[in-house]
Amino acid sequence: KGMETPEKATITRRLKPDTIETERIITVLDETIAKLELSSLIPRIIDSLDRFTDMLGPEITNNLIEHQKLSKEMERLLSSSEEDDTMRAEEQQGCLCLLEQRLKCSVRNVLRLLLANPLLCQALKHKVWETESPAEEFIKAFGEFRNFMLERLLTSPMEEEEKIRFMEDMSLQIKKNTEVITALQAELAAAIRTQEEEIHKKDNVIEDLKTSMQHLTKDYQAGIQHIKQEAEKQREEDLQASQGRCARLQQDIQQLGAQLNTLVVEHRMPELALRKRKCRMEMEIVNWIQKYDADMEEKQAEYEKVHADYTEEKNQLSLLMEKRAVLLQEYSQIEEERRIQEEKKEQALKELNTLTLAATRIQAFWRGYLIRSLYKSKIKKKKKKGKGKGKKTKK
């Protein structure tokens, strides 16, 4: 079986414990839909077989190649059956039947191999379902048939009877609604007739208004003609007044031009003096700018020299800091080695003192043992001599 979808899981939860046959029927329909989807993908996979070879593996690829050969052979036989005469019709029909059986077996083999790998099926659906398939409508219709079957299987006899009663009530309600609609349509027709009569009356009123508008148009044209005559008369008066104003303005312009010439002559000498002063100021400004540029170039050269010295000293400082870091690391290593050596010396000294103390004690113990042994031997000798003298006295 394929992977369980959320819709299928929801339907399975809705199924009652005593509807095992219903669950089996729905499972068969779901598997059929999955097989139909995969079957619709096979032609597009074959068209792009080089693209999916690594994903499919050698076994599925070989089966698809075989299926492609059978499909082409089927197309060739179907095209040749339309062109050849009727003598070979029975022979071609037998070949078509045999080839159809082989093609069905090929499809079953490909589906069996694909359904054995659910992850591969999901990947192929994701990569191949980019364009609409001709079989998509049939698959959608089959899915609707599956939902219809599920609804029928989940409907109990009592619910079916209630549904039939509900449909009868709906039919009765539709019949009543149809009667009401018929009555409303009759009322609507009467209202339309009444409205048409009112429209006819309004048309008569509109005709009267048009006639009155024509009279108003004639009066309006006469008024416009009168207004035009008055406007023409006013324009001539305004033109004469405008010509008088233009003459006065022209005289004023001549007087102002004479005053302008007089003022130009009066102010020409101050203007020349101001121009010379302006030239001197511009020369002084140019000199100051050149002096400023020269000073800035000297400062820039001095700054670049100082910056180069600073960069060199900074590089030397970084080198010295690196050497210092290396020396500090070596010094810490030397100090650590000295500390370890001092600890080893102290440990060796402690061990030497311990061994010396132990040797001293062992030597003292040994000397005491020797003295005690000598003392005991002397005492034994004295006892032996005393016993010898006593024996001689007895004789």
Protein backbone atom coordinates (compact mmCIF):
# COMPACT_ATOMS: atom_id res chain seq x y z
CA LYS A 1 0.00 0.00 0.00
CA GLY A 2 1.08 3.62 -0.54
CA MET A 3 1.61 6.22 2.12
CA GLU A 4 -1.53 7.30 4.03
CA THR A 5 -2.66 10.83 3.17
CA PRO A 6 -4.31 13.20 5.74
CA GLU A 7 -7.64 12.92 3.89
CA LYS A 8 -7.45 9.12 4.02
CA ALA A 9 -6.57 9.21 7.73
CA THR A 10 -9.60 11.45 8.43
CA ILE A 11 -11.90 9.11 6.51
CA THR A 12 -10.49 6.10 8.34
CA ARG A 13 -11.25 7.75 11.69
CA ARG A 14 -14.84 8.36 10.52
CA LEU A 15 -15.36 4.69 9.68
CA LYS A 16 -17.17 2.63 12.29
CA PRO A 17 -15.67 -0.60 13.72
CA ASP A 18 -18.26 -2.73 11.90
CA THR A 19 -17.51 -1.29 8.42
CA ILE A 20 -14.47 -3.38 7.48
CA GLU A 21 -15.90 -3.98 4.00
CA THR A 22 -16.32 -0.21 3.54
CA GLU A 23 -12.72 0.40 4.57
CA ARG A 24 -11.54 -2.30 2.15
CA ILE A 25 -13.56 -0.81 -0.73
CA ILE A 26 -12.18 2.69 -0.05
CA THR A 27 -8.63 1.29 0.20
CA VAL A 28 -9.03 -0.42 -3.19
CA LEU A 29 -10.31 2.83 -4.73
CA ASP A 30 -7.40 4.82 -3.19
CA GLU A 31 -4.88 2.30 -4.53
CA THR A 32 -6.56 2.51 -7.95
CA ILE A 33 -6.26 6.32 -7.91
CA ALA A 34 -2.56 6.05 -6.96
CA LYS A 35 -1.98 3.57 -9.81
CA LEU A 36 -3.85 5.83 -12.26
CA GLU A 37 -1.67 8.79 -11.23
CA LEU A 38 1.51 6.75 -11.69
CA SER A 39 0.22 5.39 -15.02
CA SER A 40 -0.35 8.95 -16.25
CA LEU A 41 3.26 9.79 -15.29
CA ILE A 42 4.82 6.91 -17.27
CA PRO A 43 4.68 8.59 -20.76
CA ARG A 44 6.23 11.82 -19.42
CA ILE A 45 8.92 9.86 -17.55
CA ILE A 46 9.75 7.99 -20.77
CA ASP A 47 9.98 11.30 -22.69
CA SER A 48 12.60 12.52 -20.16
CA LEU A 49 14.17 9.14 -19.34
CA ASP A 50 17.75 10.48 -19.44
CA ARG A 51 16.83 12.99 -16.75
CA PHE A 52 15.43 10.35 -14.35
CA THR A 53 17.84 7.45 -15.02
CA ASP A 54 19.92 7.98 -11.86
CA MET A 55 16.77 8.34 -9.75
CA LEU A 56 14.95 5.29 -11.16
CA GLY A 57 17.75 2.72 -11.14
CA PRO A 58 18.64 0.13 -13.77
CA GLU A 59 15.70 -2.26 -13.23
CA ILE A 60 12.94 0.34 -13.58
CA THR A 61 14.80 2.03 -16.45
CA ASN A 62 15.03 -1.24 -18.39
CA ASN A 63 11.31 -1.92 -17.85
CA LEU A 64 10.45 1.60 -19.04
CA ILE A 65 12.61 1.14 -22.16
CA GLU A 66 10.81 -2.14 -22.87
CA HIS A 67 7.45 -0.41 -22.34
CA GLN A 68 8.50 2.35 -24.76
CA LYS A 69 9.38 -0.24 -27.39
CA LEU A 70 5.99 -1.96 -26.97
CA SER A 71 4.17 1.40 -27.22
CA LYS A 72 5.99 2.29 -30.44
CA GLU A 73 5.22 -1.17 -31.84
CA MET A 74 1.54 -0.69 -30.95
CA GLU A 75 1.49 2.71 -32.69
CA ARG A 76 3.17 1.24 -35.74
CA LEU A 77 0.63 -1.62 -35.98
CA LEU A 78 -2.32 0.77 -35.53
CA SER A 79 -1.02 3.09 -38.27
CA SER A 80 -0.30 0.19 -40.63
CA SER A 81 -3.76 -1.34 -40.01
CA GLU A 82 -5.36 1.81 -41.45
CA GLU A 83 -3.20 1.71 -44.61
CA ASP A 84 -3.15 -2.04 -45.47
CA ASP A 85 -5.94 -3.98 -47.19
CA THR A 86 -8.58 -6.07 -45.45
CA MET A 87 -6.77 -9.37 -46.16
CA ARG A 88 -4.36 -8.93 -43.29
CA ALA A 89 -6.95 -7.48 -40.90
CA GLU A 90 -7.41 -10.72 -38.93
CA GLU A 91 -3.65 -11.30 -38.66
CA GLN A 92 -3.08 -7.74 -37.45
CA GLN A 93 -5.96 -8.08 -34.99
CA GLY A 94 -4.26 -11.14 -33.44
CA CYS A 95 -0.94 -9.26 -33.22
CA LEU A 96 -2.70 -6.31 -31.62
CA CYS A 97 -4.34 -8.55 -29.00
CA LEU A 98 -1.01 -10.19 -28.15
CA LEU A 99 0.79 -6.84 -28.05
CA GLU A 100 -1.98 -5.40 -25.88
CA GLN A 101 -1.51 -8.21 -23.34
CA ARG A 102 2.27 -7.61 -23.30
CA LEU A 103 1.71 -3.87 -22.89
CA LYS A 104 -0.64 -4.49 -19.94
CA CYS A 105 1.94 -6.78 -18.30
CA SER A 106 4.61 -4.13 -18.87
CA VAL A 107 2.48 -1.47 -17.18
CA ARG A 108 1.81 -3.80 -14.23
CA ASN A 109 5.53 -4.52 -13.84
CA VAL A 110 6.43 -0.82 -13.91
CA LEU A 111 3.70 0.02 -11.37
CA ARG A 112 4.81 -2.83 -9.10
CA LEU A 113 8.41 -1.56 -9.12
CA LEU A 114 7.36 2.07 -8.54
CA LEU A 115 4.88 1.27 -5.76
CA ALA A 116 7.60 -0.71 -3.97
CA ASN A 117 9.44 2.62 -3.43
CA PRO A 118 6.99 5.27 -2.04
CA LEU A 119 9.71 7.93 -1.75
CA LEU A 120 10.54 7.54 -5.45
CA CYS A 121 6.84 7.92 -6.32
CA GLN A 122 6.59 11.16 -4.35
CA ALA A 123 9.76 12.53 -5.97
CA LEU A 124 8.49 11.65 -9.48
CA LYS A 125 5.12 13.33 -8.80
CA HIS A 126 6.91 16.45 -7.58
CA LYS A 127 9.25 16.63 -10.61
CA VAL A 128 6.92 15.43 -13.39
CA TRP A 129 3.58 17.11 -12.46
CA GLU A 130 4.63 20.47 -13.87
CA THR A 131 2.24 20.36 -16.85
CA GLU A 132 -1.35 19.23 -17.07
CA SER A 133 -1.84 15.58 -18.04
CA PRO A 134 -4.58 14.41 -20.46
CA ALA A 135 -5.60 11.77 -17.87
CA GLU A 136 -5.95 14.36 -15.07
CA GLU A 137 -9.66 14.91 -15.82
CA PHE A 138 -10.30 11.16 -15.65
CA ILE A 139 -8.36 10.90 -12.36
CA LYS A 140 -10.35 13.82 -10.94
CA ALA A 141 -13.62 12.17 -12.04
CA PHE A 142 -12.51 8.87 -10.48
CA GLY A 143 -11.70 10.75 -7.23
CA GLU A 144 -15.20 12.23 -7.27
CA PHE A 145 -16.59 8.73 -7.83
CA ARG A 146 -14.55 7.51 -4.85
CA ASN A 147 -15.94 10.32 -2.63
CA PHE A 148 -19.46 9.53 -3.86
CA MET A 149 -18.96 5.83 -3.03
CA LEU A 150 -17.60 6.76 0.41
CA GLU A 151 -20.61 8.94 1.11
CA ARG A 152 -22.98 6.17 -0.01
CA LEU A 153 -21.16 3.54 2.06
CA LEU A 154 -21.12 5.75 5.17
CA THR A 155 -24.85 6.50 4.82
CA SER A 156 -27.00 4.16 6.94
CA PRO A 157 -30.49 2.98 5.79
CA MET A 158 -32.15 5.39 8.23
CA GLU A 159 -30.07 8.25 6.93
CA GLU A 160 -30.97 7.16 3.38
CA GLU A 161 -34.68 7.26 4.24
CA GLU A 162 -34.25 10.66 5.87
CA LYS A 163 -32.42 11.84 2.78
CA ILE A 164 -35.26 10.57 0.54
CA ARG A 165 -37.81 12.32 2.75
CA PHE A 166 -35.72 15.45 2.63
CA MET A 167 -35.57 15.25 -1.19
CA GLU A 168 -39.37 14.80 -1.33
CA ASP A 169 -39.82 17.81 0.94
CA MET A 170 -37.44 19.75 -1.24
CA SER A 171 -39.43 18.72 -4.36
CA LEU A 172 -42.65 19.86 -2.71
CA GLN A 173 -41.01 23.11 -1.68
CA ILE A 174 -39.69 23.58 -5.23
CA LYS A 175 -43.21 23.01 -6.58
CA LYS A 176 -44.63 25.62 -4.21
CA ASN A 177 -41.82 27.99 -5.09
CA THR A 178 -42.59 27.43 -8.79
CA GLU A 179 -46.24 28.38 -8.21
CA VAL A 180 -45.18 31.48 -6.30
CA ILE A 181 -42.75 32.37 -9.08
CA THR A 182 -45.53 31.98 -11.68
CA ALA A 183 -47.78 34.31 -9.70
CA LEU A 184 -44.95 36.79 -9.28
CA GLN A 185 -44.21 36.63 -13.00
CA ALA A 186 -47.88 37.46 -13.73
CA GLU A 187 -47.68 40.39 -11.32
CA LEU A 188 -44.42 41.44 -12.98
CA ALA A 189 -46.05 41.34 -16.44
CA ALA A 190 -48.92 43.53 -15.18
CA ALA A 191 -46.43 45.92 -13.60
CA ILE A 192 -44.48 46.02 -16.87
CA ARG A 193 -47.67 46.88 -18.80
CA THR A 194 -48.45 49.63 -16.32
CA GLN A 195 -44.92 50.92 -16.58
CA GLU A 196 -45.14 50.92 -20.38
CA GLU A 197 -48.33 53.02 -20.19
CA GLU A 198 -46.55 55.43 -17.87
CA ILE A 199 -43.60 55.51 -20.25
CA HIS A 200 -45.99 56.36 -23.12
CA LYS A 201 -47.36 59.23 -21.09
CA LYS A 202 -43.86 60.38 -20.32
CA ASP A 203 -43.03 60.25 -24.04
CA ASN A 204 -45.90 62.68 -24.72
CA VAL A 205 -44.57 64.95 -22.02
CA ILE A 206 -41.12 64.73 -23.58
CA GLU A 207 -42.52 65.73 -26.99
CA ASP A 208 -44.13 68.78 -25.41
CA LEU A 209 -40.85 69.63 -23.74
CA LYS A 210 -39.00 69.29 -27.04
CA THR A 211 -41.43 71.75 -28.66
CA SER A 212 -40.96 74.23 -25.85
CA MET A 213 -37.18 73.77 -26.12
CA GLN A 214 -37.29 74.65 -29.82
CA HIS A 215 -39.07 77.92 -28.98
CA LEU A 216 -36.52 78.59 -26.26
CA THR A 217 -33.71 77.92 -28.76
CA LYS A 218 -35.08 80.54 -31.15
CA ASP A 219 -35.31 83.09 -28.33
CA TYR A 220 -31.80 82.15 -27.21
CA GLN A 221 -30.37 82.69 -30.70
CA ALA A 222 -31.99 86.14 -30.88
CA GLY A 223 -30.49 87.01 -27.46
CA ILE A 224 -27.08 85.81 -28.61
CA GLN A 225 -27.25 88.01 -31.71
CA HIS A 226 -28.08 91.04 -29.58
CA ILE A 227 -25.24 90.22 -27.18
CA LYS A 228 -22.81 89.91 -30.12
CA GLN A 229 -23.77 93.38 -31.40
CA GLU A 230 -23.30 94.90 -27.95
CA ALA A 231 -19.94 93.11 -27.60
CA GLU A 232 -18.73 94.41 -30.99
CA LYS A 233 -19.64 97.96 -30.01
CA GLN A 234 -17.84 97.57 -26.66
CA ARG A 235 -14.76 96.13 -28.44
CA GLU A 236 -14.49 99.20 -30.71
CA GLU A 237 -14.67 101.51 -27.71
CA ASP A 238 -12.05 99.48 -25.85
CA LEU A 239 -9.81 99.51 -28.95
CA GLN A 240 -9.87 103.30 -29.16
CA ALA A 241 -9.13 103.61 -25.44
CA SER A 242 -6.28 101.07 -25.78
CA GLN A 243 -4.69 103.00 -28.67
CA GLY A 244 -4.69 106.19 -26.56
CA ARG A 245 -3.05 104.34 -23.64
CA CYS A 246 -0.43 102.86 -26.01
CA ALA A 247 0.49 106.36 -27.28
CA ARG A 248 0.88 107.66 -23.72
CA LEU A 249 2.95 104.58 -22.75
CA GLN A 250 5.18 105.03 -25.81
CA GLN A 251 5.85 108.64 -24.77
CA ASP A 252 6.65 107.46 -21.22
CA ILE A 253 9.06 104.83 -22.65
CA GLN A 254 10.94 107.51 -24.62
CA GLN A 255 11.28 109.71 -21.53
CA LEU A 256 12.50 106.74 -19.42
CA GLY A 257 15.02 105.76 -22.13
CA ALA A 258 16.49 109.30 -22.06
CA GLN A 259 16.73 109.11 -18.24
CA LEU A 260 18.41 105.67 -18.55
CA ASN A 261 21.06 107.04 -20.95
CA THR A 262 21.75 109.92 -18.59
CA LEU A 263 22.14 107.55 -15.61
CA VAL A 264 24.44 105.26 -17.66
CA VAL A 265 26.73 108.20 -18.49
CA GLU A 266 26.75 109.31 -14.84
CA HIS A 267 27.55 105.84 -13.42
CA ARG A 268 30.07 104.71 -16.06
CA MET A 269 33.13 106.13 -14.21
CA PRO A 270 32.19 104.61 -10.80
CA GLU A 271 31.55 101.34 -12.60
CA LEU A 272 35.05 101.39 -14.14
CA ALA A 273 36.58 102.12 -10.72
CA LEU A 274 34.63 99.26 -9.20
CA ARG A 275 35.70 96.94 -12.03
CA LYS A 276 39.41 97.79 -11.43
CA ARG A 277 38.95 97.19 -7.68
CA LYS A 278 37.25 93.90 -8.47
CA CYS A 279 40.20 92.84 -10.70
CA ARG A 280 42.70 93.74 -7.93
CA MET A 281 40.65 91.75 -5.41
CA GLU A 282 40.50 88.77 -7.79
CA MET A 283 44.30 88.91 -8.26
CA GLU A 284 44.84 89.06 -4.48
CA ILE A 285 42.44 86.11 -4.06
CA VAL A 286 44.33 84.12 -6.72
CA ASN A 287 47.66 84.89 -4.98
CA TRP A 288 46.26 83.85 -1.60
CA ILE A 289 44.87 80.63 -3.13
CA GLN A 290 48.25 79.83 -4.71
CA LYS A 291 50.02 80.55 -1.41
CA TYR A 292 47.47 78.36 0.39
CA ASP A 293 47.99 75.54 -2.15
CA ALA A 294 51.78 75.77 -1.73
CA ASP A 295 51.50 75.69 2.10
CA MET A 296 49.07 72.78 1.88
CA GLU A 297 51.42 70.86 -0.44
CA GLU A 298 54.28 71.36 2.05
CA LYS A 299 52.02 70.28 4.92
CA GLN A 300 50.82 67.29 2.88
CA ALA A 301 54.42 66.25 2.12
CA GLU A 302 55.33 66.65 5.80
CA TYR A 303 52.22 64.70 6.79
CA GLU A 304 53.03 61.89 4.33
CA LYS A 305 56.61 61.72 5.67
CA VAL A 306 55.38 61.61 9.29
CA HIS A 307 52.75 59.04 8.32
CA ALA A 308 55.41 56.89 6.59
CA ASP A 309 57.65 57.14 9.71
CA TYR A 310 54.66 56.30 11.88
CA THR A 311 53.77 53.30 9.68
CA GLU A 312 57.38 52.05 9.79
CA GLU A 313 57.58 52.49 13.57
CA LYS A 314 54.20 50.79 13.91
CA ASN A 315 55.44 47.83 11.85
CA GLN A 316 58.62 47.66 13.96
CA LEU A 317 56.49 47.84 17.10
CA SER A 318 54.33 44.97 15.84
CA LEU A 319 57.47 42.92 15.08
CA LEU A 320 58.86 43.71 18.55
CA MET A 321 55.51 42.80 20.12
CA GLU A 322 55.55 39.49 18.25
CA LYS A 323 59.13 38.85 19.40
CA ARG A 324 58.14 39.87 22.93
CA ALA A 325 55.21 37.45 22.84
CA VAL A 326 57.53 34.66 21.66
CA LEU A 327 60.11 35.55 24.37
CA LEU A 328 57.38 35.69 27.03
CA GLN A 329 56.19 32.26 25.93
CA GLU A 330 59.76 30.92 26.02
CA TYR A 331 60.35 32.61 29.42
CA SER A 332 57.16 31.04 30.80
CA GLN A 333 58.28 27.66 29.47
CA ILE A 334 61.74 28.14 31.09
CA GLU A 335 60.13 29.20 34.38
CA GLU A 336 57.87 26.17 34.24
CA GLU A 337 60.86 23.90 33.55
CA ARG A 338 62.76 25.53 36.47
CA ARG A 339 59.80 25.06 38.75
CA ILE A 340 59.52 21.42 37.70
CA GLN A 341 63.28 20.95 38.27
CA GLU A 342 63.05 22.63 41.71
CA GLU A 343 60.14 20.36 42.60
CA LYS A 344 62.14 17.36 41.39
CA LYS A 345 65.16 18.52 43.47
CA GLU A 346 62.99 19.02 46.54
CA GLN A 347 61.41 15.62 45.99
CA ALA A 348 64.84 14.03 45.52
CA LEU A 349 66.13 15.80 48.65
CA LYS A 350 63.15 14.58 50.63
CA GLU A 351 63.70 11.04 49.36
CA LEU A 352 67.45 11.36 50.20
CA ASN A 353 66.67 12.56 53.74
CA THR A 354 64.18 9.74 54.13
CA LEU A 355 66.72 7.20 52.88
CA THR A 356 69.44 8.73 55.09
CA LEU A 357 67.19 8.60 58.16
CA ALA A 358 66.22 5.04 57.29
CA ALA A 359 69.86 4.04 56.77
CA THR A 360 70.84 5.71 60.09
CA ARG A 361 68.12 3.84 61.92
CA ILE A 362 69.03 0.57 60.23
CA GLN A 363 72.71 1.08 61.11
CA ALA A 364 71.83 1.94 64.74
CA PHE A 365 69.59 -1.09 64.93
CA TRP A 366 72.36 -3.22 63.40
CA ARG A 367 75.00 -1.90 65.82
CA GLY A 368 72.66 -2.55 68.74
CA TYR A 369 72.04 -6.02 67.41
CA LEU A 370 75.78 -6.68 67.09
CA ILE A 371 76.46 -5.35 70.61
CA ARG A 372 73.65 -7.43 72.05
CA SER A 373 74.93 -10.48 70.16
CA LEU A 374 78.49 -9.92 71.52
CA TYR A 375 77.17 -9.35 74.98
CA LYS A 376 75.06 -12.52 74.88
CA SER A 377 78.04 -14.55 73.63
CA LYS A 378 80.24 -13.24 76.47
CA ILE A 379 77.58 -14.12 79.03
CA LYS A 380 77.32 -17.65 77.61
CA LYS A 381 81.09 -18.09 77.77
CA LYS A 382 81.13 -16.95 81.40
CA LYS A 383 78.39 -19.42 82.27
CA LYS A 384 80.29 -22.26 80.60
CA LYS A 385 83.47 -21.41 82.55
CA GLY A 386 81.57 -21.30 85.84
CA LYS A 387 80.13 -24.76 85.19
CA GLY A 388 83.62 -26.16 84.48
CA LYS A 389 85.00 -24.98 87.75
CA GLY A 390 82.18 -26.49 89.71
CA LYS A 391 82.83 -29.95 88.22
CA LYS A 392 86.46 -29.84 89.16
CA THR A 393 85.65 -29.01 92.77
CA LYS A 394 83.40 -32.06 93.04
CA LYS A 395 86.29 -34.37 92.12
